[in-house]
């Protein structure tokens, strides 16, 4: 029952933080240090529970996704112009997904071990939080998704790949890149959510297959509970976040990231928690 409660709590945190620019993987890692067993939930647990949050993206953007996929295939077979906006968006998602796939395979061992140090997580929370604040301040916020080039799609993809480091934040990294390139807040977030679909589902199902006969800290049943909880909570968070950024800045998230990263560094220096 203790493990089940912990899995429920971790799923709740995953759903609350996945789409906010605060890094869900960092929150799961930090929370794990305060649970009774003080164990890292693990990269596999994080990746699998993200299937739940990404399923929420599919539900929320279902009409957009169906339209993009349909138009992409129509353009591929010459039934509509290749420069159709939705068909281009399909190609932009494919191109933007390449960096995280390549780097995820290349650094898989480090992602599951060294990169999960709480020192690294605290540093990335602070640094990329400040970077988000700068981008939000200096970005022109005038460009729309229809104006995105393939080069900008690759830049987005490289920013998403930085989220392999817990503490960077998938949405935070991609939104920061979008703001620096002059995109509107809502446009940057929308593409960020769509871009994450192939990478998150790919990583999640890969880790699920690996864990089928060798579960980690939590059993597959407990992980499933966390995934369902994450899905339900994430639906509400996406709706809130898309409304928020259309009217407000990212400053509250910047302050929160810096404060959390600083707190983690203080607790590490006092020996209250340990880096691994």
C-alpha atoms as a PDB file:
ATOM      1  CA  UNK A   1       0.000   0.000   0.000  1.00  0.00           C
ATOM      2  CA  UNK A   2       2.889   2.354   0.685  1.00  0.00           C
ATOM      3  CA  UNK A   3       4.293   1.841  -2.798  1.00  0.00           C
ATOM      4  CA  UNK A   4       0.832   2.328  -4.287  1.00  0.00           C
ATOM      5  CA  UNK A   5       0.387   5.611  -2.416  1.00  0.00           C
ATOM      6  CA  UNK A   6       3.828   6.781  -3.521  1.00  0.00           C
ATOM      7  CA  UNK A   7       3.047   5.887  -7.141  1.00  0.00           C
ATOM      8  CA  UNK A   8      -0.239   7.818  -6.897  1.00  0.00           C
ATOM      9  CA  UNK A   9       1.594  10.843  -5.461  1.00  0.00           C
ATOM     10  CA  UNK A  10       4.281  10.704  -8.138  1.00  0.00           C
ATOM     11  CA  UNK A  11       1.631  10.425 -10.865  1.00  0.00           C
ATOM     12  CA  UNK A  12      -0.110  13.473  -9.434  1.00  0.00           C
ATOM     13  CA  UNK A  13       3.132  15.461  -9.512  1.00  0.00           C
ATOM     14  CA  UNK A  14       3.902  14.214 -13.043  1.00  0.00           C
ATOM     15  CA  UNK A  15       0.524  15.403 -14.290  1.00  0.00           C
ATOM     16  CA  UNK A  16       0.846  18.775 -12.560  1.00  0.00           C
ATOM     17  CA  UNK A  17       4.348  19.567 -13.818  1.00  0.00           C
ATOM     18  CA  UNK A  18       4.799  17.926 -17.238  1.00  0.00           C
ATOM     19  CA  UNK A  19       3.424  20.834 -19.259  1.00  0.00           C
ATOM     20  CA  UNK A  20       4.485  23.672 -17.023  1.00  0.00           C
ATOM     21  CA  UNK A  21       8.045  24.913 -17.733  1.00  0.00           C
ATOM     22  CA  UNK A  22       9.331  23.566 -14.406  1.00  0.00           C
ATOM     23  CA  UNK A  23      10.529  20.031 -15.350  1.00  0.00           C
ATOM     24  CA  UNK A  24       8.400  17.078 -14.296  1.00  0.00           C
ATOM     25  CA  UNK A  25      11.413  14.731 -14.247  1.00  0.00           C
ATOM     26  CA  UNK A  26      13.173  17.048 -11.780  1.00  0.00           C
ATOM     27  CA  UNK A  27      10.122  17.086  -9.524  1.00  0.00           C
ATOM     28  CA  UNK A  28       9.816  13.297  -9.545  1.00  0.00           C
ATOM     29  CA  UNK A  29      13.519  12.976  -8.762  1.00  0.00           C
ATOM     30  CA  UNK A  30      13.375  15.536  -5.930  1.00  0.00           C
ATOM     31  CA  UNK A  31      10.172  14.088  -4.468  1.00  0.00           C
ATOM     32  CA  UNK A  32      11.725  10.625  -4.535  1.00  0.00           C
ATOM     33  CA  UNK A  33      14.450  11.856  -2.163  1.00  0.00           C
ATOM     34  CA  UNK A  34      11.785  12.656   0.471  1.00  0.00           C
ATOM     35  CA  UNK A  35       9.751   9.469   0.226  1.00  0.00           C
ATOM     36  CA  UNK A  36      10.187   6.891   3.042  1.00  0.00           C
ATOM     37  CA  UNK A  37      12.659   4.794   1.040  1.00  0.00           C
ATOM     38  CA  UNK A  38      14.405   7.928  -0.314  1.00  0.00           C
ATOM     39  CA  UNK A  39      14.760   6.284  -3.720  1.00  0.00           C
ATOM     40  CA  UNK A  40      14.996   7.766  -7.184  1.00  0.00           C
ATOM     41  CA  UNK A  41      11.823   6.597  -8.997  1.00  0.00           C
ATOM     42  CA  UNK A  42      14.077   6.046 -12.015  1.00  0.00           C
ATOM     43  CA  UNK A  43      14.230   7.183 -15.625  1.00  0.00           C
ATOM     44  CA  UNK A  44      12.026   4.261 -16.731  1.00  0.00           C
ATOM     45  CA  UNK A  45       9.232   5.167 -14.284  1.00  0.00           C
ATOM     46  CA  UNK A  46       9.408   8.791 -15.420  1.00  0.00           C
ATOM     47  CA  UNK A  47       9.281   7.873 -19.112  1.00  0.00           C
ATOM     48  CA  UNK A  48       6.369   5.458 -18.687  1.00  0.00           C
ATOM     49  CA  UNK A  49       4.246   7.892 -16.650  1.00  0.00           C
ATOM     50  CA  UNK A  50       4.845  10.472 -19.368  1.00  0.00           C
ATOM     51  CA  UNK A  51       2.782   8.222 -21.652  1.00  0.00           C
ATOM     52  CA  UNK A  52      -0.180   9.307 -19.526  1.00  0.00           C
ATOM     53  CA  UNK A  53       0.560  13.004 -19.817  1.00  0.00           C
ATOM     54  CA  UNK A  54       1.219  12.723 -23.549  1.00  0.00           C
ATOM     55  CA  UNK A  55      -2.075  10.876 -23.997  1.00  0.00           C
ATOM     56  CA  UNK A  56      -3.657  14.006 -22.509  1.00  0.00           C
ATOM     57  CA  UNK A  57      -2.002  16.044 -25.285  1.00  0.00           C
ATOM     58  CA  UNK A  58      -3.499  13.708 -27.893  1.00  0.00           C
ATOM     59  CA  UNK A  59      -6.969  14.131 -26.376  1.00  0.00           C
ATOM     60  CA  UNK A  60      -6.644  17.914 -26.027  1.00  0.00           C
ATOM     61  CA  UNK A  61      -5.250  18.488 -29.532  1.00  0.00           C
ATOM     62  CA  UNK A  62      -7.090  15.577 -31.182  1.00  0.00           C
ATOM     63  CA  UNK A  63      -8.608  17.596 -34.023  1.00  0.00           C
ATOM     64  CA  UNK A  64      -5.295  19.284 -34.806  1.00  0.00           C
ATOM     65  CA  UNK A  65      -3.443  15.965 -34.791  1.00  0.00           C
ATOM     66  CA  UNK A  66      -5.948  14.208 -37.060  1.00  0.00           C
ATOM     67  CA  UNK A  67      -5.884  17.135 -39.480  1.00  0.00           C
ATOM     68  CA  UNK A  68      -2.065  17.323 -39.543  1.00  0.00           C
ATOM     69  CA  UNK A  69      -1.675  13.569 -40.113  1.00  0.00           C
ATOM     70  CA  UNK A  70      -4.325  13.509 -42.847  1.00  0.00           C
ATOM     71  CA  UNK A  71      -2.914  16.521 -44.676  1.00  0.00           C
ATOM     72  CA  UNK A  72       0.639  15.187 -44.358  1.00  0.00           C
ATOM     73  CA  UNK A  73      -0.328  11.940 -46.107  1.00  0.00           C
ATOM     74  CA  UNK A  74      -2.310  13.824 -48.744  1.00  0.00           C
ATOM     75  CA  UNK A  75       0.688  16.038 -49.498  1.00  0.00           C
ATOM     76  CA  UNK A  76       3.020  13.027 -49.500  1.00  0.00           C
ATOM     77  CA  UNK A  77       0.996  11.407 -52.284  1.00  0.00           C
ATOM     78  CA  UNK A  78       0.552  14.641 -54.229  1.00  0.00           C
ATOM     79  CA  UNK A  79      -3.144  15.141 -53.551  1.00  0.00           C
ATOM     80  CA  UNK A  80      -2.588  18.615 -52.076  1.00  0.00           C
ATOM     81  CA  UNK A  81       0.317  21.103 -52.369  1.00  0.00           C
ATOM     82  CA  UNK A  82       3.416  20.112 -50.416  1.00  0.00           C
ATOM     83  CA  UNK A  83       3.529  23.570 -48.824  1.00  0.00           C
ATOM     84  CA  UNK A  84       0.117  23.122 -47.214  1.00  0.00           C
ATOM     85  CA  UNK A  85       0.446  24.546 -43.627  1.00  0.00           C
ATOM     86  CA  UNK A  86      -0.747  21.362 -41.893  1.00  0.00           C
ATOM     87  CA  UNK A  87       1.418  19.145 -44.097  1.00  0.00           C
ATOM     88  CA  UNK A  88       4.413  21.376 -43.321  1.00  0.00           C
ATOM     89  CA  UNK A  89       3.625  21.077 -39.617  1.00  0.00           C
ATOM     90  CA  UNK A  90       3.791  17.294 -39.977  1.00  0.00           C
ATOM     91  CA  UNK A  91       7.255  17.572 -41.513  1.00  0.00           C
ATOM     92  CA  UNK A  92       8.326  20.100 -38.851  1.00  0.00           C
ATOM     93  CA  UNK A  93       7.348  17.638 -36.110  1.00  0.00           C
ATOM     94  CA  UNK A  94       9.306  14.853 -37.832  1.00  0.00           C
ATOM     95  CA  UNK A  95      12.391  17.042 -38.343  1.00  0.00           C
ATOM     96  CA  UNK A  96      12.193  18.439 -34.811  1.00  0.00           C
ATOM     97  CA  UNK A  97      12.020  14.921 -33.326  1.00  0.00           C
ATOM     98  CA  UNK A  98      15.325  13.762 -34.825  1.00  0.00           C
ATOM     99  CA  UNK A  99      17.714  15.424 -32.291  1.00  0.00           C
ATOM    100  CA  UNK A 100      16.110  13.932 -29.175  1.00  0.00           C
ATOM    101  CA  UNK A 101      15.981  10.442 -30.714  1.00  0.00           C
ATOM    102  CA  UNK A 102      19.636  10.558 -31.739  1.00  0.00           C
ATOM    103  CA  UNK A 103      20.903  12.046 -28.468  1.00  0.00           C
ATOM    104  CA  UNK A 104      18.606   9.850 -26.371  1.00  0.00           C
ATOM    105  CA  UNK A 105      20.156   6.723 -27.905  1.00  0.00           C
ATOM    106  CA  UNK A 106      23.690   8.113 -27.691  1.00  0.00           C
ATOM    107  CA  UNK A 107      23.476   9.159 -24.026  1.00  0.00           C
ATOM    108  CA  UNK A 108      21.005   6.576 -22.729  1.00  0.00           C
ATOM    109  CA  UNK A 109      23.313   5.301 -19.975  1.00  0.00           C
ATOM    110  CA  UNK A 110      24.132   8.790 -18.685  1.00  0.00           C
ATOM    111  CA  UNK A 111      20.445   9.784 -18.786  1.00  0.00           C
ATOM    112  CA  UNK A 112      19.586   6.887 -16.481  1.00  0.00           C
ATOM    113  CA  UNK A 113      22.521   7.449 -14.097  1.00  0.00           C
ATOM    114  CA  UNK A 114      24.845  10.478 -13.993  1.00  0.00           C
ATOM    115  CA  UNK A 115      22.353  13.051 -15.272  1.00  0.00           C
ATOM    116  CA  UNK A 116      19.986  12.250 -12.387  1.00  0.00           C
ATOM    117  CA  UNK A 117      22.304  13.786  -9.813  1.00  0.00           C
ATOM    118  CA  UNK A 118      20.428  16.333  -7.705  1.00  0.00           C
ATOM    119  CA  UNK A 119      23.343  18.744  -8.143  1.00  0.00           C
ATOM    120  CA  UNK A 120      22.826  18.694 -11.905  1.00  0.00           C
ATOM    121  CA  UNK A 121      19.053  18.995 -11.499  1.00  0.00           C
ATOM    122  CA  UNK A 122      19.370  22.016  -9.174  1.00  0.00           C
ATOM    123  CA  UNK A 123      21.792  23.735 -11.542  1.00  0.00           C
ATOM    124  CA  UNK A 124      19.623  23.163 -14.617  1.00  0.00           C
ATOM    125  CA  UNK A 125      16.496  24.343 -12.794  1.00  0.00           C
ATOM    126  CA  UNK A 126      18.185  27.644 -11.986  1.00  0.00           C
ATOM    127  CA  UNK A 127      20.086  28.216 -15.230  1.00  0.00           C
ATOM    128  CA  UNK A 128      17.285  27.337 -17.639  1.00  0.00           C
ATOM    129  CA  UNK A 129      14.770  29.158 -15.439  1.00  0.00           C
ATOM    130  CA  UNK A 130      16.772  32.370 -15.814  1.00  0.00           C
ATOM    131  CA  UNK A 131      17.147  31.674 -19.549  1.00  0.00           C
ATOM    132  CA  UNK A 132      13.356  31.339 -19.873  1.00  0.00           C
ATOM    133  CA  UNK A 133      12.925  34.691 -18.149  1.00  0.00           C
ATOM    134  CA  UNK A 134      15.387  36.370 -20.514  1.00  0.00           C
ATOM    135  CA  UNK A 135      13.733  34.836 -23.584  1.00  0.00           C
ATOM    136  CA  UNK A 136      10.290  35.939 -22.415  1.00  0.00           C
ATOM    137  CA  UNK A 137      11.595  39.482 -21.876  1.00  0.00           C
ATOM    138  CA  UNK A 138      13.556  39.998 -25.114  1.00  0.00           C
ATOM    139  CA  UNK A 139      11.520  37.871 -27.563  1.00  0.00           C
ATOM    140  CA  UNK A 140       9.372  39.845 -30.001  1.00  0.00           C
ATOM    141  CA  UNK A 141       6.466  37.374 -29.663  1.00  0.00           C
ATOM    142  CA  UNK A 142       5.164  38.208 -33.157  1.00  0.00           C
ATOM    143  CA  UNK A 143       5.747  35.084 -35.233  1.00  0.00           C
ATOM    144  CA  UNK A 144       3.015  32.495 -35.738  1.00  0.00           C
ATOM    145  CA  UNK A 145       3.428  28.755 -36.336  1.00  0.00           C
ATOM    146  CA  UNK A 146       2.655  29.173 -40.033  1.00  0.00           C
ATOM    147  CA  UNK A 147       5.889  31.187 -40.360  1.00  0.00           C
ATOM    148  CA  UNK A 148       8.158  28.500 -38.924  1.00  0.00           C
ATOM    149  CA  UNK A 149      11.021  27.311 -41.140  1.00  0.00           C
ATOM    150  CA  UNK A 150      12.625  23.879 -41.107  1.00  0.00           C
ATOM    151  CA  UNK A 151      15.757  25.426 -39.612  1.00  0.00           C
ATOM    152  CA  UNK A 152      13.696  26.773 -36.735  1.00  0.00           C
ATOM    153  CA  UNK A 153      12.123  23.337 -36.358  1.00  0.00           C
ATOM    154  CA  UNK A 154      15.599  21.842 -35.875  1.00  0.00           C
ATOM    155  CA  UNK A 155      16.424  24.510 -33.271  1.00  0.00           C
ATOM    156  CA  UNK A 156      13.208  23.552 -31.461  1.00  0.00           C
ATOM    157  CA  UNK A 157      14.270  19.912 -31.689  1.00  0.00           C
ATOM    158  CA  UNK A 158      17.688  20.628 -30.183  1.00  0.00           C
ATOM    159  CA  UNK A 159      15.996  22.539 -27.361  1.00  0.00           C
ATOM    160  CA  UNK A 160      13.700  19.574 -26.733  1.00  0.00           C
ATOM    161  CA  UNK A 161      16.727  17.270 -26.628  1.00  0.00           C
ATOM    162  CA  UNK A 162      18.113  19.319 -23.725  1.00  0.00           C
ATOM    163  CA  UNK A 163      15.195  17.954 -21.686  1.00  0.00           C
ATOM    164  CA  UNK A 164      17.074  14.648 -21.522  1.00  0.00           C
ATOM    165  CA  UNK A 165      18.702  16.437 -18.596  1.00  0.00           C
ATOM    166  CA  UNK A 166      16.217  16.372 -15.693  1.00  0.00           C
ATOM    167  CA  UNK A 167      15.658  19.955 -14.621  1.00  0.00           C
ATOM    168  CA  UNK A 168      15.679  21.529 -18.083  1.00  0.00           C
ATOM    169  CA  UNK A 169      11.971  20.855 -18.829  1.00  0.00           C
ATOM    170  CA  UNK A 170      10.748  19.724 -22.221  1.00  0.00           C
ATOM    171  CA  UNK A 171       8.164  22.494 -22.466  1.00  0.00           C
ATOM    172  CA  UNK A 172      10.503  25.016 -20.825  1.00  0.00           C
ATOM    173  CA  UNK A 173      13.371  24.302 -23.208  1.00  0.00           C
ATOM    174  CA  UNK A 174      11.287  24.382 -26.373  1.00  0.00           C
ATOM    175  CA  UNK A 175       9.255  27.417 -25.328  1.00  0.00           C
ATOM    176  CA  UNK A 176      12.481  29.259 -24.465  1.00  0.00           C
ATOM    177  CA  UNK A 177      13.848  28.514 -27.937  1.00  0.00           C
ATOM    178  CA  UNK A 178      10.577  29.632 -29.516  1.00  0.00           C
ATOM    179  CA  UNK A 179      10.551  32.902 -27.603  1.00  0.00           C
ATOM    180  CA  UNK A 180      14.162  33.659 -28.575  1.00  0.00           C
ATOM    181  CA  UNK A 181      13.152  33.090 -32.214  1.00  0.00           C
ATOM    182  CA  UNK A 182      10.294  35.582 -31.864  1.00  0.00           C
ATOM    183  CA  UNK A 183       7.272  33.267 -31.708  1.00  0.00           C
ATOM    184  CA  UNK A 184       4.136  34.109 -29.756  1.00  0.00           C
ATOM    185  CA  UNK A 185       3.872  32.473 -26.340  1.00  0.00           C
ATOM    186  CA  UNK A 186       0.840  30.367 -27.317  1.00  0.00           C
ATOM    187  CA  UNK A 187       2.409  29.380 -30.651  1.00  0.00           C
ATOM    188  CA  UNK A 188       5.658  28.339 -28.964  1.00  0.00           C
ATOM    189  CA  UNK A 189       3.765  26.225 -26.427  1.00  0.00           C
ATOM    190  CA  UNK A 190       1.456  24.644 -29.009  1.00  0.00           C
ATOM    191  CA  UNK A 191       4.327  23.436 -31.172  1.00  0.00           C
ATOM    192  CA  UNK A 192       6.170  22.290 -28.040  1.00  0.00           C
ATOM    193  CA  UNK A 193       3.258  20.039 -27.068  1.00  0.00           C
ATOM    194  CA  UNK A 194       2.834  18.611 -30.573  1.00  0.00           C
ATOM    195  CA  UNK A 195       6.580  18.083 -30.993  1.00  0.00           C
ATOM    196  CA  UNK A 196       6.751  16.042 -27.789  1.00  0.00           C
ATOM    197  CA  UNK A 197       4.268  13.390 -28.977  1.00  0.00           C
ATOM    198  CA  UNK A 198       6.634  11.132 -31.022  1.00  0.00           C
ATOM    199  CA  UNK A 199       9.537  11.418 -28.567  1.00  0.00           C
ATOM    200  CA  UNK A 200       7.528  10.819 -25.393  1.00  0.00           C
ATOM    201  CA  UNK A 201       5.512   7.903 -26.748  1.00  0.00           C
ATOM    202  CA  UNK A 202       8.632   6.363 -28.253  1.00  0.00           C
ATOM    203  CA  UNK A 203      10.629   6.666 -25.034  1.00  0.00           C
ATOM    204  CA  UNK A 204       7.729   5.589 -22.835  1.00  0.00           C
ATOM    205  CA  UNK A 205       6.849   2.424 -24.736  1.00  0.00           C
ATOM    206  CA  UNK A 206      10.539   1.548 -25.098  1.00  0.00           C
ATOM    207  CA  UNK A 207      11.009   1.773 -21.335  1.00  0.00           C
ATOM    208  CA  UNK A 208       7.766  -0.145 -20.783  1.00  0.00           C
ATOM    209  CA  UNK A 209       9.053  -3.001 -22.941  1.00  0.00           C
ATOM    210  CA  UNK A 210      12.368  -3.002 -21.054  1.00  0.00           C
ATOM    211  CA  UNK A 211      10.607  -3.036 -17.682  1.00  0.00           C
ATOM    212  CA  UNK A 212       8.057  -5.730 -18.521  1.00  0.00           C
ATOM    213  CA  UNK A 213      10.055  -8.551 -16.963  1.00  0.00           C
ATOM    214  CA  UNK A 214      12.339  -6.410 -14.809  1.00  0.00           C
ATOM    215  CA  UNK A 215      10.355  -3.691 -13.013  1.00  0.00           C
ATOM    216  CA  UNK A 216      12.258  -1.035 -11.083  1.00  0.00           C
ATOM    217  CA  UNK A 217      11.377   0.645  -7.791  1.00  0.00           C
ATOM    218  CA  UNK A 218       7.666   0.375  -8.593  1.00  0.00           C
ATOM    219  CA  UNK A 219       5.848  -2.579 -10.123  1.00  0.00           C
ATOM    220  CA  UNK A 220       4.166  -2.263 -13.498  1.00  0.00           C
ATOM    221  CA  UNK A 221       0.786  -2.147 -11.741  1.00  0.00           C
ATOM    222  CA  UNK A 222       1.896   0.731  -9.508  1.00  0.00           C
ATOM    223  CA  UNK A 223       3.425   2.498 -12.505  1.00  0.00           C
ATOM    224  CA  UNK A 224       0.127   2.057 -14.363  1.00  0.00           C
ATOM    225  CA  UNK A 225      -1.720   3.770 -11.502  1.00  0.00           C
ATOM    226  CA  UNK A 226       0.717   6.681 -11.665  1.00  0.00           C
ATOM    227  CA  UNK A 227       0.263   6.884 -15.447  1.00  0.00           C
ATOM    228  CA  UNK A 228      -3.543   7.055 -15.229  1.00  0.00           C
ATOM    229  CA  UNK A 229      -3.397   9.713 -12.502  1.00  0.00           C
ATOM    230  CA  UNK A 230      -0.928  11.724 -14.595  1.00  0.00           C
ATOM    231  CA  UNK A 231      -3.269  11.554 -17.595  1.00  0.00           C
ATOM    232  CA  UNK A 232      -6.309  12.856 -15.704  1.00  0.00           C
ATOM    233  CA  UNK A 233      -4.438  15.702 -14.000  1.00  0.00           C
ATOM    234  CA  UNK A 234      -2.546  16.707 -17.161  1.00  0.00           C
ATOM    235  CA  UNK A 235      -5.771  17.335 -19.089  1.00  0.00           C
ATOM    236  CA  UNK A 236      -6.678  20.128 -16.702  1.00  0.00           C
ATOM    237  CA  UNK A 237      -3.138  21.497 -16.597  1.00  0.00           C
ATOM    238  CA  UNK A 238      -2.914  21.825 -20.410  1.00  0.00           C
ATOM    239  CA  UNK A 239      -6.164  23.807 -20.527  1.00  0.00           C
ATOM    240  CA  UNK A 240      -4.956  26.067 -17.706  1.00  0.00           C
ATOM    241  CA  UNK A 241      -1.509  26.608 -19.212  1.00  0.00           C
ATOM    242  CA  UNK A 242      -2.770  27.516 -22.695  1.00  0.00           C
ATOM    243  CA  UNK A 243      -5.114  30.115 -21.165  1.00  0.00           C
ATOM    244  CA  UNK A 244      -2.423  31.439 -18.826  1.00  0.00           C
ATOM    245  CA  UNK A 245       0.269  32.124 -21.387  1.00  0.00           C
ATOM    246  CA  UNK A 246      -2.113  33.993 -23.681  1.00  0.00           C
ATOM    247  CA  UNK A 247      -2.455  36.685 -21.002  1.00  0.00           C
ATOM    248  CA  UNK A 248       0.507  36.399 -18.627  1.00  0.00           C
ATOM    249  CA  UNK A 249       4.299  36.183 -18.662  1.00  0.00           C
ATOM    250  CA  UNK A 250       6.436  33.231 -17.532  1.00  0.00           C
ATOM    251  CA  UNK A 251       7.850  35.181 -14.563  1.00  0.00           C
ATOM    252  CA  UNK A 252       6.091  33.103 -11.837  1.00  0.00           C
ATOM    253  CA  UNK A 253       7.609  29.916 -13.290  1.00  0.00           C
ATOM    254  CA  UNK A 254      11.055  31.542 -13.488  1.00  0.00           C
ATOM    255  CA  UNK A 255      10.909  32.561  -9.807  1.00  0.00           C
ATOM    256  CA  UNK A 256       9.660  29.118  -8.812  1.00  0.00           C
ATOM    257  CA  UNK A 257      12.449  27.321 -10.700  1.00  0.00           C
ATOM    258  CA  UNK A 258      15.189  29.468  -9.195  1.00  0.00           C
ATOM    259  CA  UNK A 259      13.730  29.100  -5.692  1.00  0.00           C
ATOM    260  CA  UNK A 260      13.380  25.308  -6.001  1.00  0.00           C
ATOM    261  CA  UNK A 261      16.879  24.874  -7.421  1.00  0.00           C
ATOM    262  CA  UNK A 262      18.348  27.013  -4.648  1.00  0.00           C
ATOM    263  CA  UNK A 263      16.452  25.046  -2.003  1.00  0.00           C
ATOM    264  CA  UNK A 264      17.760  21.746  -3.385  1.00  0.00           C
ATOM    265  CA  UNK A 265      21.346  23.069  -3.288  1.00  0.00           C
ATOM    266  CA  UNK A 266      20.899  24.175   0.332  1.00  0.00           C
ATOM    267  CA  UNK A 267      19.471  20.801   1.363  1.00  0.00           C
ATOM    268  CA  UNK A 268      22.305  19.010  -0.413  1.00  0.00           C
ATOM    269  CA  UNK A 269      24.921  21.158   1.349  1.00  0.00           C
ATOM    270  CA  UNK A 270      23.308  20.419   4.713  1.00  0.00           C
ATOM    271  CA  UNK A 271      23.232  16.681   4.021  1.00  0.00           C
ATOM    272  CA  UNK A 272      19.436  16.507   4.316  1.00  0.00           C
ATOM    273  CA  UNK A 273      19.254  14.835   0.907  1.00  0.00           C
ATOM    274  CA  UNK A 274      21.920  13.104  -1.181  1.00  0.00           C
ATOM    275  CA  UNK A 275      22.784  13.652  -4.835  1.00  0.00           C
ATOM    276  CA  UNK A 276      22.201  10.021  -5.931  1.00  0.00           C
END
